[in-house]
Structure formats: structure tokens, C-alpha cells
Amino acid sequence: MEASRAELRPGGAVVISGGASGMGLALARRLVAEGTPVGVFDIASDGVAAALEVLAGGPGPARGFCVDVADEPAVDRAMTEAEEALGAIGGAVAAAGVRQTAIPDLDLSVEEWDRLYRVNVLGTFVFVRAAARRMSRTGGGSIVTVGSIVASHSRLGTTAYGATKAAVLRMTQGLALDLAPYGIRVNAVCPGPTLTPMIEEAVRNEGPRLIEEKVGGNLATGRPAIPLGRMAQPDEQAAAMAFLLSGEASFITGAALYVDGGLAVV
């Protein structure tokens, strides 16, 4: 029996929000090395420029787009430009996100909630919908969202962030159902603690013991230790994303893949 379009690896470009750093950049590097055209979407213009320098010379072409993922008209324009420059879009990864600052819930401002929701939830929806609209016209594809272990396993000081990531997981399930008739699969990767610029920022703000506590646990705050005894590398999250994009995951949709060193089962 001939394979359907949805069973094949995306035959076109892959667009990545938050693609200028961390997991998004790790995935872009992997895909470009495999010859896949990649569109790097990020709000930081200097980050986009630096990412394109890193990606230059690979078998796959790369283009950069400086855009706020929650700005729907800007995302739509950039998606059109990506399609014109790179060809039909076959994959999209919504890796753009912001973390909650270390503020107790009783002091957390409405502005902070709005910032987290705007980027993590609204930005994810705007970005993946813009990509899905194009995939629906070209025979399907694969979408990967980025959740978090705190979407389903609460930690102190992550109420707002965890709520946004729980919303991303619910969104992923709903999109998987709605987009299946178009041959579009939608799945989520749920990272545990990963050595990204976001963690580096947290260490600067909250202290160098933060990484030690994430790995070894902290009984005072109820934080369990990571069973595998270390934090993830961005490349390990990128590998999970690449799998969900690929034809190897041809019958997987609406799933959440935890890449957390076993932390979710503690």
C-alpha cells in the first residue's frame, strides 16, 4: 500500500519559532545538516543573525525572520516569506517561550501572567496555525509544540508558567484532532531541566545552586532529584523533536513525549 503524505517525513521546509537559541537552534542545526530547509523565527534580531552564521554552509538552506510570535499579521507575513524563500512548509516547531521569574504567587503581577500567556500560549497558537494553514494546502505535515514537565507535575514557583504549558498540551491535543483530516500530525515534547540560555538566565537571577538543586533535588522545596543524574542537553531535546517530525512517528499524533531523565515518574 502506498504511504500517505502524512506518513512521510516533511518533504519541505521546517519553520522553528525560538529558533535562534537553545533547543530551537539545536534542532535547526540538526535539520540543516540533514539538508532540510529551515526558517528560524525569533524576536531577537541579533540572535537571528548569529543563528544564521552558525547554520551557514550546511547542506540545507536557512533563512531568518525577526518576529514576535504573538503578532499574527507579522507571523503570517514572515511565514509567506519563508514559503517563498524555502519552498512548501512541511514541518513546524513552536519552541519560543519565556519562563516565570522567581516571584512568589502572592506577589506575581498580572503583567507577568500576561507576558507568559502571550508568548507561551497565544504565540504558540498563532505560529502553528499559520504553518498549518499552509500545510493544509500542500498535503499535510508535522507540528511539534513544546510543553514542560511542570505542565503536569507542579513545582514551587511555577504556577503561571505551568498553567501556560498545560494549556499548550491541551492545545496540542485539540489541534491533533482538528488537523488530522488534512494529514497534519501535532505532538508535544515536554522537556525536563535542560541546559539552555533560559536556565543560564535563571542561574544569574536565582544563584548557581539552582542547577545543583534541579539535578540533585531539594527536600525543602519538594523538588525531586533527576533519576538519570544530570540535566539534558539541547541536542537531546532536538532529537525528540526531529523524531516527531519524521516519518518514524507516522502514526503518532496528540501525544506528549517527556524528555526529562525520568523526572516525571518520581
Protein backbone atom coordinates (compact mmCIF):
# COMPACT_ATOMS: atom_id res chain seq x y z
CA MET A 1 0.00 0.00 0.00
CA GLU A 2 1.35 3.41 -0.93
CA ALA A 3 2.27 5.61 2.03
CA SER A 4 0.14 8.71 2.56
CA ARG A 5 1.64 12.19 2.71
CA ALA A 6 1.19 12.21 6.49
CA GLU A 7 3.34 9.07 6.81
CA LEU A 8 6.36 10.68 5.19
CA ARG A 9 8.99 12.95 6.63
CA PRO A 10 8.01 16.55 5.85
CA GLY A 11 9.07 16.99 2.25
CA GLY A 12 9.52 20.73 2.53
CA ALA A 13 10.89 23.33 4.88
CA VAL A 14 10.67 23.27 8.66
CA VAL A 15 9.95 26.55 10.46
CA ILE A 16 11.06 26.92 14.08
CA SER A 17 9.94 29.64 16.49
CA GLY A 18 12.52 30.44 19.14
CA GLY A 19 15.00 29.04 16.63
CA ALA A 20 17.84 31.42 17.43
CA SER A 21 18.93 29.73 20.68
CA GLY A 22 18.60 26.70 22.93
CA MET A 23 16.52 23.75 21.76
CA GLY A 24 15.27 25.59 18.68
CA LEU A 25 18.78 26.31 17.43
CA ALA A 26 19.92 22.76 18.24
CA LEU A 27 17.06 21.45 16.08
CA ALA A 28 17.84 23.91 13.28
CA ARG A 29 21.46 22.74 13.22
CA ARG A 30 20.39 19.11 13.06
CA LEU A 31 17.91 19.67 10.24
CA VAL A 32 20.21 21.86 8.16
CA ALA A 33 22.94 19.22 8.47
CA GLU A 34 20.45 16.70 7.04
CA GLY A 35 19.71 19.01 4.10
CA THR A 36 16.33 20.27 5.27
CA PRO A 37 15.47 23.92 4.53
CA VAL A 38 14.91 25.75 7.81
CA GLY A 39 13.21 29.00 8.72
CA VAL A 40 14.43 30.50 12.00
CA PHE A 41 11.78 32.68 13.68
CA ASP A 42 12.83 34.68 16.74
CA ILE A 43 12.09 38.05 18.34
CA ALA A 44 15.79 38.83 18.84
CA SER A 45 17.28 40.27 15.64
CA ASP A 46 20.85 39.84 16.86
CA GLY A 47 20.05 36.25 17.81
CA VAL A 48 18.65 35.52 14.36
CA ALA A 49 21.77 36.95 12.73
CA ALA A 50 24.03 34.87 15.00
CA ALA A 51 21.98 31.73 14.34
CA LEU A 52 22.27 32.16 10.58
CA GLU A 53 26.05 32.41 10.94
CA VAL A 54 26.02 29.09 12.82
CA LEU A 55 23.81 27.49 10.17
CA ALA A 56 25.68 28.86 7.16
CA GLY A 57 27.39 26.33 4.93
CA GLY A 58 25.15 23.38 5.77
CA PRO A 59 23.54 21.25 3.06
CA GLY A 60 20.13 22.73 3.87
CA PRO A 61 19.40 26.42 3.31
CA ALA A 62 18.40 28.60 6.27
CA ARG A 63 16.56 31.92 6.43
CA GLY A 64 15.90 34.12 9.42
CA PHE A 65 12.78 36.06 10.37
CA CYS A 66 12.70 38.54 13.25
CA VAL A 67 9.13 38.41 14.55
CA ASP A 68 7.03 38.41 17.73
CA VAL A 69 5.17 35.09 17.62
CA ALA A 70 2.08 36.64 19.22
CA ASP A 71 1.81 39.25 16.44
CA GLU A 72 -0.47 37.43 14.00
CA PRO A 73 -0.05 39.74 10.96
CA ALA A 74 3.74 39.73 11.37
CA VAL A 75 3.86 35.94 11.73
CA ASP A 76 1.68 35.50 8.65
CA ARG A 77 3.90 37.79 6.57
CA ALA A 78 7.04 36.01 7.75
CA MET A 79 5.51 32.59 7.06
CA THR A 80 4.71 33.69 3.49
CA GLU A 81 8.27 34.93 3.07
CA ALA A 82 9.61 31.64 4.41
CA GLU A 83 7.47 29.68 1.98
CA GLU A 84 8.63 31.82 -0.94
CA ALA A 85 12.29 31.51 0.04
CA LEU A 86 12.41 27.87 1.17
CA GLY A 87 9.53 26.13 -0.57
CA ALA A 88 6.44 24.41 0.83
CA ILE A 89 6.35 24.10 4.61
CA GLY A 90 6.21 20.51 5.81
CA GLY A 91 7.08 20.93 9.48
CA ALA A 92 6.76 23.48 12.26
CA VAL A 93 8.19 23.53 15.77
CA ALA A 94 6.91 26.06 18.30
CA ALA A 95 9.92 26.37 20.61
CA ALA A 96 9.54 30.05 21.54
CA GLY A 97 8.82 30.52 25.22
CA VAL A 98 9.56 32.53 28.34
CA ARG A 99 9.95 31.35 31.92
CA GLN A 100 8.41 32.63 35.13
CA THR A 101 10.61 34.87 37.22
CA ALA A 102 11.32 33.73 40.77
CA ILE A 103 8.44 35.60 42.42
CA PRO A 104 6.04 34.04 44.97
CA ASP A 105 2.49 33.62 43.66
CA LEU A 106 1.13 36.14 46.16
CA ASP A 107 3.38 38.78 44.59
CA LEU A 108 3.12 37.70 40.95
CA SER A 109 1.76 40.55 38.86
CA VAL A 110 -0.99 40.40 36.27
CA GLU A 111 1.57 41.80 33.82
CA GLU A 112 3.78 38.75 34.41
CA TRP A 113 0.84 36.40 33.82
CA ASP A 114 0.02 38.28 30.63
CA ARG A 115 3.63 38.09 29.41
CA LEU A 116 3.77 34.33 29.95
CA TYR A 117 0.38 33.72 28.36
CA ARG A 118 1.08 35.97 25.38
CA VAL A 119 4.29 34.18 24.38
CA ASN A 120 3.77 30.61 25.59
CA VAL A 121 0.10 30.12 24.69
CA LEU A 122 -1.04 32.76 22.21
CA GLY A 123 2.33 32.80 20.45
CA THR A 124 2.30 29.02 20.09
CA PHE A 125 -1.20 29.05 18.61
CA VAL A 126 -0.55 31.92 16.20
CA PHE A 127 2.65 30.32 14.92
CA VAL A 128 1.38 26.77 14.47
CA ARG A 129 -1.89 27.89 12.91
CA ALA A 130 -0.05 29.99 10.33
CA ALA A 131 2.07 26.97 9.44
CA ALA A 132 -0.90 24.57 9.48
CA ARG A 133 -2.88 26.74 7.08
CA ARG A 134 -0.10 26.33 4.55
CA MET A 135 0.37 22.60 5.23
CA SER A 136 -3.36 22.04 4.70
CA ARG A 137 -2.98 23.30 1.14
CA THR A 138 0.09 21.22 0.32
CA GLY A 139 -0.82 17.75 1.55
CA GLY A 140 -0.03 17.73 5.26
CA GLY A 141 2.96 17.77 7.56
CA SER A 142 4.01 17.61 11.19
CA ILE A 143 3.82 20.14 14.03
CA VAL A 144 5.68 19.93 17.34
CA THR A 145 4.85 22.12 20.31
CA VAL A 146 7.00 22.50 23.42
CA GLY A 147 5.35 21.82 26.74
CA SER A 148 7.18 21.19 30.01
CA ILE A 149 7.29 18.70 32.83
CA VAL A 150 5.59 21.35 35.01
CA ALA A 151 2.53 21.18 32.75
CA SER A 152 1.56 18.04 34.65
CA HIS A 153 3.90 17.95 37.67
CA SER A 154 3.74 21.08 39.81
CA ARG A 155 6.85 22.69 41.25
CA LEU A 156 7.12 25.62 43.66
CA GLY A 157 7.32 28.96 41.90
CA THR A 158 5.97 27.71 38.57
CA THR A 159 2.22 28.28 38.87
CA ALA A 160 1.85 30.71 35.97
CA TYR A 161 4.45 29.02 33.77
CA GLY A 162 2.98 25.58 34.44
CA ALA A 163 -0.52 26.85 33.62
CA THR A 164 0.67 28.13 30.24
CA LYS A 165 2.40 24.86 29.43
CA ALA A 166 -0.66 22.85 30.48
CA ALA A 167 -2.61 25.00 28.03
CA VAL A 168 -0.08 24.14 25.32
CA LEU A 169 -0.62 20.41 25.92
CA ARG A 170 -4.39 20.78 25.73
CA MET A 171 -3.98 22.89 22.59
CA THR A 172 -1.79 20.18 21.09
CA GLN A 173 -4.48 17.55 21.64
CA GLY A 174 -7.20 19.73 20.16
CA LEU A 175 -5.13 20.64 17.11
CA ALA A 176 -4.25 16.98 16.59
CA LEU A 177 -7.94 16.18 16.23
CA ASP A 178 -8.82 19.20 14.13
CA LEU A 179 -5.89 18.89 11.74
CA ALA A 180 -5.86 15.11 11.25
CA PRO A 181 -8.19 15.29 8.22
CA TYR A 182 -5.56 17.45 6.50
CA GLY A 183 -2.80 14.91 7.06
CA ILE A 184 -1.17 17.08 9.75
CA ARG A 185 0.17 15.42 12.91
CA VAL A 186 0.53 17.51 16.07
CA ASN A 187 2.60 16.37 19.07
CA ALA A 188 4.38 17.89 22.04
CA VAL A 189 7.81 17.46 23.56
CA CYS A 190 7.83 18.05 27.32
CA PRO A 191 11.38 18.85 28.42
CA GLY A 192 12.73 18.44 31.88
CA PRO A 193 15.58 20.71 33.06
CA THR A 194 17.77 21.45 30.03
CA LEU A 195 20.98 23.46 29.73
CA THR A 196 19.65 26.31 27.61
CA PRO A 197 20.06 30.11 27.78
CA MET A 198 16.80 30.17 29.77
CA ILE A 199 18.45 28.11 32.51
CA GLU A 200 21.56 30.28 32.32
CA GLU A 201 19.37 33.33 32.92
CA ALA A 202 17.73 31.59 35.87
CA VAL A 203 21.14 30.86 37.38
CA ARG A 204 22.13 34.51 37.03
CA ASN A 205 18.92 35.62 38.73
CA GLU A 206 18.49 32.90 41.33
CA GLY A 207 22.03 31.70 42.01
CA PRO A 208 24.40 28.93 40.91
CA ARG A 209 22.87 26.41 43.34
CA LEU A 210 19.81 26.28 41.09
CA ILE A 211 21.37 23.69 38.77
CA GLU A 212 22.56 21.58 41.70
CA GLU A 213 19.02 21.58 43.12
CA LYS A 214 17.47 20.72 39.76
CA VAL A 215 19.75 17.70 39.41
CA GLY A 216 20.08 16.55 43.00
CA GLY A 217 16.72 17.68 44.31
CA ASN A 218 15.78 19.88 47.25
CA LEU A 219 13.71 18.44 50.09
CA ALA A 220 12.89 21.91 51.44
CA THR A 221 11.04 22.83 48.27
CA GLY A 222 9.81 19.36 47.39
CA ARG A 223 11.95 19.22 44.26
CA PRO A 224 12.86 15.59 43.43
CA ALA A 225 16.20 14.52 42.00
CA ILE A 226 16.53 13.67 38.32
CA PRO A 227 16.87 9.86 38.15
CA LEU A 228 19.46 9.98 35.35
CA GLY A 229 21.53 12.34 37.50
CA ARG A 230 22.05 15.24 35.10
CA MET A 231 20.29 17.89 33.06
CA ALA A 232 19.50 17.40 29.38
CA GLN A 233 21.49 18.93 26.55
CA PRO A 234 19.60 20.93 23.91
CA ASP A 235 20.60 18.34 21.30
CA GLU A 236 18.71 15.66 23.25
CA GLN A 237 15.51 17.69 23.10
CA ALA A 238 16.17 18.38 19.41
CA ALA A 239 16.46 14.64 18.76
CA ALA A 240 12.99 14.08 20.22
CA MET A 241 11.57 16.91 18.12
CA ALA A 242 13.21 15.55 14.97
CA PHE A 243 11.70 12.13 15.67
CA LEU A 244 8.19 13.56 15.98
CA LEU A 245 8.69 15.49 12.73
CA SER A 246 9.84 12.41 10.91
CA GLY A 247 8.12 9.53 9.16
CA GLU A 248 9.27 7.30 12.03
CA ALA A 249 6.42 8.90 14.01
CA SER A 250 3.90 8.50 11.18
CA PHE A 251 1.12 7.09 13.41
CA ILE A 252 1.70 9.38 16.40
CA THR A 253 -0.48 12.44 16.92
CA GLY A 254 -1.83 14.17 20.00
CA ALA A 255 0.98 12.73 22.13
CA ALA A 256 3.23 14.31 24.75
CA LEU A 257 6.78 12.93 24.81
CA TYR A 258 8.52 13.59 28.13
CA VAL A 259 12.27 14.09 27.71
CA ASP A 260 13.17 14.61 31.35
CA GLY A 261 15.62 11.96 32.56
CA GLY A 262 12.81 10.15 34.37
CA LEU A 263 11.75 13.13 36.48
CA ALA A 264 8.04 12.76 35.64
CA VAL A 265 7.88 9.31 37.23
CA VAL A 266 9.41 10.38 40.56
